[in-house]
PDB file of N, CA and C in Angstrom:
ATOM      1  N   MET A   1      -9.431 -10.623 -14.310  1.00  0.00           N
ATOM      2  CA  MET A   1      -9.215 -11.853 -15.502  1.00  0.00           C
ATOM      3  C   MET A   1      -9.663 -13.407 -14.685  1.00  0.00           C
ATOM      4  N   CYS A   2      -9.647 -13.188 -13.042  1.00  0.00           N
ATOM      5  CA  CYS A   2     -10.088 -14.474 -12.970  1.00  0.00           C
ATOM      6  C   CYS A   2     -11.957 -14.920 -13.167  1.00  0.00           C
ATOM      7  N   GLY A   3     -12.304 -13.888 -13.491  1.00  0.00           N
ATOM      8  CA  GLY A   3     -13.638 -13.639 -13.574  1.00  0.00           C
ATOM      9  C   GLY A   3     -14.101 -13.043 -12.192  1.00  0.00           C
ATOM     10  N   GLY A   4     -13.575 -12.529 -11.399  1.00  0.00           N
ATOM     11  CA  GLY A   4     -14.516 -12.299  -9.562  1.00  0.00           C
ATOM     12  C   GLY A   4     -15.032 -10.879 -10.466  1.00  0.00           C
ATOM     13  N   HIS A   5     -15.244 -10.390  -9.268  1.00  0.00           N
ATOM     14  CA  HIS A   5     -15.785  -9.147  -9.360  1.00  0.00           C
ATOM     15  C   HIS A   5     -14.870  -7.814  -7.982  1.00  0.00           C
ATOM     16  N   ARG A   6     -14.165  -6.491  -9.094  1.00  0.00           N
ATOM     17  CA  ARG A   6     -13.552  -5.632  -7.533  1.00  0.00           C
ATOM     18  C   ARG A   6     -14.695  -4.971  -7.044  1.00  0.00           C
ATOM     19  N   GLU A   7     -14.346  -5.177  -5.393  1.00  0.00           N
ATOM     20  CA  GLU A   7     -15.065  -4.555  -4.349  1.00  0.00           C
ATOM     21  C   GLU A   7     -14.232  -3.587  -3.344  1.00  0.00           C
ATOM     22  N   ALA A   8     -14.703  -2.388  -3.201  1.00  0.00           N
ATOM     23  CA  ALA A   8     -14.289  -1.716  -2.176  1.00  0.00           C
ATOM     24  C   ALA A   8     -13.978  -2.360  -0.771  1.00  0.00           C
ATOM     25  N   GLY A   9     -12.296  -2.190  -0.553  1.00  0.00           N
ATOM     26  CA  GLY A   9     -11.853  -2.444   0.588  1.00  0.00           C
ATOM     27  C   GLY A   9     -10.536  -2.373   1.062  1.00  0.00           C
ATOM     28  N   HIS A  10      -9.801  -2.539   2.175  1.00  0.00           N
ATOM     29  CA  HIS A  10      -8.345  -1.951   2.440  1.00  0.00           C
ATOM     30  C   HIS A  10      -7.855  -3.112   1.956  1.00  0.00           C
ATOM     31  N   THR A  11      -6.614  -2.606   1.963  1.00  0.00           N
ATOM     32  CA  THR A  11      -5.533  -3.289   2.178  1.00  0.00           C
ATOM     33  C   THR A  11      -3.762  -2.266   2.801  1.00  0.00           C
ATOM     34  N   THR A  12      -2.697  -3.122   3.127  1.00  0.00           N
ATOM     35  CA  THR A  12      -1.808  -2.874   3.436  1.00  0.00           C
ATOM     36  C   THR A  12      -0.599  -3.230   2.460  1.00  0.00           C
ATOM     37  N   PHE A  13      -0.144  -2.375   2.759  1.00  0.00           N
ATOM     38  CA  PHE A  13       1.314  -1.202   1.624  1.00  0.00           C
ATOM     39  C   PHE A  13       2.684  -1.765   2.676  1.00  0.00           C
ATOM     40  N   SER A  14       3.778  -2.358   1.933  1.00  0.00           N
ATOM     41  CA  SER A  14       4.055  -2.115   2.212  1.00  0.00           C
ATOM     42  C   SER A  14       5.804  -2.086   1.513  1.00  0.00           C
ATOM     43  N   ALA A  15       7.080  -1.282   2.093  1.00  0.00           N
ATOM     44  CA  ALA A  15       8.261  -1.229   1.119  1.00  0.00           C
ATOM     45  C   ALA A  15       9.047  -1.887   1.978  1.00  0.00           C
ATOM     46  N   ASP A  16      10.035  -1.970   1.318  1.00  0.00           N
ATOM     47  CA  ASP A  16      11.794  -2.736   1.960  1.00  0.00           C
ATOM     48  C   ASP A  16      12.397  -1.472   1.190  1.00  0.00           C
ATOM     49  N   LEU A  17      13.067  -1.258   1.702  1.00  0.00           N
ATOM     50  CA  LEU A  17      13.985   0.011   1.950  1.00  0.00           C
ATOM     51  C   LEU A  17      15.043  -0.145   2.073  1.00  0.00           C
ATOM     52  N   GLY A  18      15.931  -1.281   2.305  1.00  0.00           N
ATOM     53  CA  GLY A  18      16.876  -1.465   2.714  1.00  0.00           C
ATOM     54  C   GLY A  18      17.343  -1.627   3.197  1.00  0.00           C
ATOM     55  N   ASP A  19      17.684  -0.707   4.610  1.00  0.00           N
ATOM     56  CA  ASP A  19      18.163  -0.202   5.845  1.00  0.00           C
ATOM     57  C   ASP A  19      16.768  -0.128   7.146  1.00  0.00           C
ATOM     58  N   GLY A  20      15.426  -0.196   6.003  1.00  0.00           N
ATOM     59  CA  GLY A  20      14.544  -0.023   6.677  1.00  0.00           C
ATOM     60  C   GLY A  20      12.875  -1.084   5.891  1.00  0.00           C
ATOM     61  N   LEU A  21      11.398  -0.448   6.968  1.00  0.00           N
ATOM     62  CA  LEU A  21      10.545  -1.186   6.317  1.00  0.00           C
ATOM     63  C   LEU A  21      10.177  -0.427   6.234  1.00  0.00           C
ATOM     64  N   VAL A  22       8.576   0.445   5.682  1.00  0.00           N
ATOM     65  CA  VAL A  22       7.702   1.180   5.854  1.00  0.00           C
ATOM     66  C   VAL A  22       6.338   0.230   6.178  1.00  0.00           C
ATOM     67  N   VAL A  23       5.107   0.529   6.179  1.00  0.00           N
ATOM     68  CA  VAL A  23       4.476  -0.520   5.904  1.00  0.00           C
ATOM     69  C   VAL A  23       2.828   0.887   6.334  1.00  0.00           C
ATOM     70  N   VAL A  24       2.448   0.565   5.577  1.00  0.00           N
ATOM     71  CA  VAL A  24       1.172   0.898   5.513  1.00  0.00           C
ATOM     72  C   VAL A  24      -0.366   0.467   5.723  1.00  0.00           C
ATOM     73  N   ARG A  25      -1.156   0.547   6.722  1.00  0.00           N
ATOM     74  CA  ARG A  25      -2.138   0.232   7.304  1.00  0.00           C
ATOM     75  C   ARG A  25      -3.369   0.401   6.405  1.00  0.00           C
ATOM     76  N   HIS A  26      -4.589   0.192   6.222  1.00  0.00           N
ATOM     77  CA  HIS A  26      -5.944   0.626   5.521  1.00  0.00           C
ATOM     78  C   HIS A  26      -5.933   1.842   4.262  1.00  0.00           C
ATOM     79  N   VAL A  27      -5.031   0.692   3.670  1.00  0.00           N
ATOM     80  CA  VAL A  27      -5.340   1.730   1.917  1.00  0.00           C
ATOM     81  C   VAL A  27      -6.091   1.032   1.643  1.00  0.00           C
ATOM     82  N   PRO A  28      -7.082   2.390   0.969  1.00  0.00           N
ATOM     83  CA  PRO A  28      -8.510   1.880   0.112  1.00  0.00           C
ATOM     84  C   PRO A  28      -7.305   0.757  -1.176  1.00  0.00           C
ATOM     85  N   ALA A  29      -8.005   0.602  -1.193  1.00  0.00           N
ATOM     86  CA  ALA A  29      -7.883  -0.858  -2.799  1.00  0.00           C
ATOM     87  C   ALA A  29      -9.214  -1.308  -3.727  1.00  0.00           C
ATOM     88  N   MET A  30      -9.422  -1.268  -4.529  1.00  0.00           N
ATOM     89  CA  MET A  30     -10.526  -2.626  -4.971  1.00  0.00           C
ATOM     90  C   MET A  30      -9.912  -3.929  -5.065  1.00  0.00           C
ATOM     91  N   ILE A  31     -10.422  -5.184  -3.866  1.00  0.00           N
ATOM     92  CA  ILE A  31      -9.756  -6.319  -3.946  1.00  0.00           C
ATOM     93  C   ILE A  31     -11.800  -7.170  -5.063  1.00  0.00           C
ATOM     94  N   CYS A  32     -10.327  -8.130  -5.696  1.00  0.00           N
ATOM     95  CA  CYS A  32     -10.974  -9.108  -6.726  1.00  0.00           C
ATOM     96  C   CYS A  32     -11.941 -10.068  -5.036  1.00  0.00           C
ATOM     97  N   ASN A  33     -13.189 -10.248  -5.811  1.00  0.00           N
ATOM     98  CA  ASN A  33     -13.613 -11.204  -4.949  1.00  0.00           C
ATOM     99  C   ASN A  33     -13.333 -13.074  -4.444  1.00  0.00           C
ATOM    100  N   GLN A  34     -13.291 -13.068  -5.599  1.00  0.00           N
ATOM    101  CA  GLN A  34     -12.990 -14.144  -5.668  1.00  0.00           C
ATOM    102  C   GLN A  34     -11.095 -14.800  -5.886  1.00  0.00           C
ATOM    103  N   CYS A  35     -10.022 -13.944  -6.096  1.00  0.00           N
ATOM    104  CA  CYS A  35      -9.075 -13.942  -6.124  1.00  0.00           C
ATOM    105  C   CYS A  35      -7.836 -13.640  -5.528  1.00  0.00           C
ATOM    106  N   GLY A  36      -8.834 -12.288  -5.074  1.00  0.00           N
ATOM    107  CA  GLY A  36      -7.485 -11.355  -4.116  1.00  0.00           C
ATOM    108  C   GLY A  36      -6.653 -10.080  -4.145  1.00  0.00           C
ATOM    109  N   ASP A  37      -7.047 -10.042  -5.735  1.00  0.00           N
ATOM    110  CA  ASP A  37      -5.661  -9.131  -5.914  1.00  0.00           C
ATOM    111  C   ASP A  37      -6.628  -8.189  -5.760  1.00  0.00           C
ATOM    112  N   GLU A  38      -5.155  -7.201  -5.498  1.00  0.00           N
ATOM    113  CA  GLU A  38      -5.794  -5.781  -5.372  1.00  0.00           C
ATOM    114  C   GLU A  38      -4.999  -5.021  -6.319  1.00  0.00           C
ATOM    115  N   TRP A  39      -6.135  -3.458  -6.076  1.00  0.00           N
ATOM    116  CA  TRP A  39      -6.030  -2.258  -7.401  1.00  0.00           C
ATOM    117  C   TRP A  39      -5.998  -1.209  -6.490  1.00  0.00           C
ATOM    118  N   ILE A  40      -4.952  -0.360  -6.325  1.00  0.00           N
ATOM    119  CA  ILE A  40      -5.006   0.644  -5.808  1.00  0.00           C
ATOM    120  C   ILE A  40      -4.990   1.649  -6.953  1.00  0.00           C
ATOM    121  N   ASP A  41      -5.557   2.431  -6.643  1.00  0.00           N
ATOM    122  CA  ASP A  41      -5.821   4.139  -7.982  1.00  0.00           C
ATOM    123  C   ASP A  41      -4.029   4.994  -7.812  1.00  0.00           C
ATOM    124  N   ASN A  42      -4.472   5.731  -8.585  1.00  0.00           N
ATOM    125  CA  ASN A  42      -3.258   6.291  -8.649  1.00  0.00           C
ATOM    126  C   ASN A  42      -2.956   8.021  -7.695  1.00  0.00           C
ATOM    127  N   LYS A  43      -4.002   8.195  -7.819  1.00  0.00           N
ATOM    128  CA  LYS A  43      -3.873   9.888  -6.487  1.00  0.00           C
ATOM    129  C   LYS A  43      -3.246   8.153  -5.020  1.00  0.00           C
ATOM    130  N   THR A  44      -4.000   7.827  -4.446  1.00  0.00           N
ATOM    131  CA  THR A  44      -3.304   6.477  -3.471  1.00  0.00           C
ATOM    132  C   THR A  44      -2.056   6.149  -3.845  1.00  0.00           C
ATOM    133  N   ALA A  45      -1.735   5.462  -5.059  1.00  0.00           N
ATOM    134  CA  ALA A  45      -0.256   5.445  -5.320  1.00  0.00           C
ATOM    135  C   ALA A  45       0.666   6.589  -5.116  1.00  0.00           C
ATOM    136  N   GLN A  46       0.516   7.667  -5.183  1.00  0.00           N
ATOM    137  CA  GLN A  46       0.982   8.501  -5.176  1.00  0.00           C
ATOM    138  C   GLN A  46       1.257   8.900  -3.613  1.00  0.00           C
ATOM    139  N   GLN A  47       0.487   9.009  -2.770  1.00  0.00           N
ATOM    140  CA  GLN A  47       0.542   8.924  -1.336  1.00  0.00           C
ATOM    141  C   GLN A  47       1.225   8.776  -1.231  1.00  0.00           C
ATOM    142  N   LEU A  48       1.492   6.824  -1.414  1.00  0.00           N
ATOM    143  CA  LEU A  48       2.093   5.666  -1.547  1.00  0.00           C
ATOM    144  C   LEU A  48       3.400   5.878  -1.249  1.00  0.00           C
ATOM    145  N   GLU A  49       3.901   6.316  -2.561  1.00  0.00           N
ATOM    146  CA  GLU A  49       5.495   6.941  -2.757  1.00  0.00           C
ATOM    147  C   GLU A  49       5.575   7.938  -2.067  1.00  0.00           C
ATOM    148  N   ASP A  50       4.796   9.411  -1.938  1.00  0.00           N
ATOM    149  CA  ASP A  50       5.226  10.635  -0.700  1.00  0.00           C
ATOM    150  C   ASP A  50       5.937   9.518   0.453  1.00  0.00           C
ATOM    151  N   ILE A  51       5.114   8.931   0.847  1.00  0.00           N
ATOM    152  CA  ILE A  51       5.410   8.468   1.636  1.00  0.00           C
ATOM    153  C   ILE A  51       6.309   7.259   2.053  1.00  0.00           C
ATOM    154  N   VAL A  52       6.733   6.735   0.578  1.00  0.00           N
ATOM    155  CA  VAL A  52       8.405   6.279   1.465  1.00  0.00           C
ATOM    156  C   VAL A  52       9.348   6.776   0.755  1.00  0.00           C
ATOM    157  N   LEU A  53       9.024   8.265   0.138  1.00  0.00           N
ATOM    158  CA  LEU A  53      10.248   8.952  -0.112  1.00  0.00           C
ATOM    159  C   LEU A  53      10.665   9.314   1.384  1.00  0.00           C
ATOM    160  N   GLU A  54       9.110   9.675   2.236  1.00  0.00           N
ATOM    161  CA  GLU A  54       9.959  10.341   3.624  1.00  0.00           C
ATOM    162  C   GLU A  54      10.466   9.238   4.235  1.00  0.00           C
ATOM    163  N   ALA A  55       9.879   8.453   4.069  1.00  0.00           N
ATOM    164  CA  ALA A  55      11.026   7.013   5.213  1.00  0.00           C
ATOM    165  C   ALA A  55      12.041   6.729   5.004  1.00  0.00           C
ATOM    166  N   ARG A  56      12.299   6.964   3.327  1.00  0.00           N
ATOM    167  CA  ARG A  56      13.827   7.376   3.200  1.00  0.00           C
ATOM    168  C   ARG A  56      14.515   7.945   3.968  1.00  0.00           C
ATOM    169  N   GLN A  57      14.218   9.260   3.793  1.00  0.00           N
ATOM    170  CA  GLN A  57      14.904  10.043   4.631  1.00  0.00           C
ATOM    171  C   GLN A  57      15.168  10.627   6.117  1.00  0.00           C
ATOM    172  N   LYS A  58      13.824   9.843   6.746  1.00  0.00           N
ATOM    173  CA  LYS A  58      14.080   9.544   8.158  1.00  0.00           C
ATOM    174  C   LYS A  58      14.525   8.706   8.860  1.00  0.00           C
ATOM    175  N   LYS A  59      15.467   7.937   7.657  1.00  0.00           N
ATOM    176  CA  LYS A  59      16.315   6.915   7.950  1.00  0.00           C
ATOM    177  C   LYS A  59      15.355   5.910   9.068  1.00  0.00           C
ATOM    178  N   HIS A  60      14.566   5.810   9.778  1.00  0.00           N
ATOM    179  CA  HIS A  60      13.613   4.742   9.948  1.00  0.00           C
ATOM    180  C   HIS A  60      14.448   3.147  10.112  1.00  0.00           C
ATOM    181  N   GLN A  61      14.498   2.335  10.880  1.00  0.00           N
ATOM    182  CA  GLN A  61      14.319   1.089  10.095  1.00  0.00           C
ATOM    183  C   GLN A  61      12.988   0.836   9.716  1.00  0.00           C
ATOM    184  N   LEU A  62      11.861   1.296  11.569  1.00  0.00           N
ATOM    185  CA  LEU A  62       9.968   0.451  11.111  1.00  0.00           C
ATOM    186  C   LEU A  62       9.747   1.449  11.143  1.00  0.00           C
ATOM    187  N   GLU A  63       8.377   1.794  10.419  1.00  0.00           N
ATOM    188  CA  GLU A  63       8.224   2.705  10.519  1.00  0.00           C
ATOM    189  C   GLU A  63       6.352   2.217  10.339  1.00  0.00           C
ATOM    190  N   VAL A  64       5.295   2.426  10.877  1.00  0.00           N
ATOM    191  CA  VAL A  64       4.150   2.050  10.303  1.00  0.00           C
ATOM    192  C   VAL A  64       3.600   3.188  10.844  1.00  0.00           C
ATOM    193  N   LEU A  65       2.471   3.124   9.439  1.00  0.00           N
ATOM    194  CA  LEU A  65       1.388   4.318   9.489  1.00  0.00           C
ATOM    195  C   LEU A  65      -0.157   3.675   9.219  1.00  0.00           C
ATOM    196  N   SER A  66      -0.574   4.493   9.181  1.00  0.00           N
ATOM    197  CA  SER A  66      -2.299   4.390   8.409  1.00  0.00           C
ATOM    198  C   SER A  66      -2.804   4.953   8.030  1.00  0.00           C
ATOM    199  N   LEU A  67      -3.490   5.059   6.329  1.00  0.00           N
ATOM    200  CA  LEU A  67      -3.834   6.492   5.422  1.00  0.00           C
ATOM    201  C   LEU A  67      -5.651   6.259   6.347  1.00  0.00           C
TER     202      LEU A  67
END
């Protein structure tokens, strides 16, 4: 919407689990070269959902991963 172009890159995803935090670094994403907005494809989003579910089950206060 800003007029920029999407370029392949990486981002960091985090999710606050209430009693813990999960951080996933090096997540593949398309990033706007003008405003910095990020888009994650459906396959990657599903991987992130699975990681968050697993982190909830482990009940760690902090978990840091890379894709």
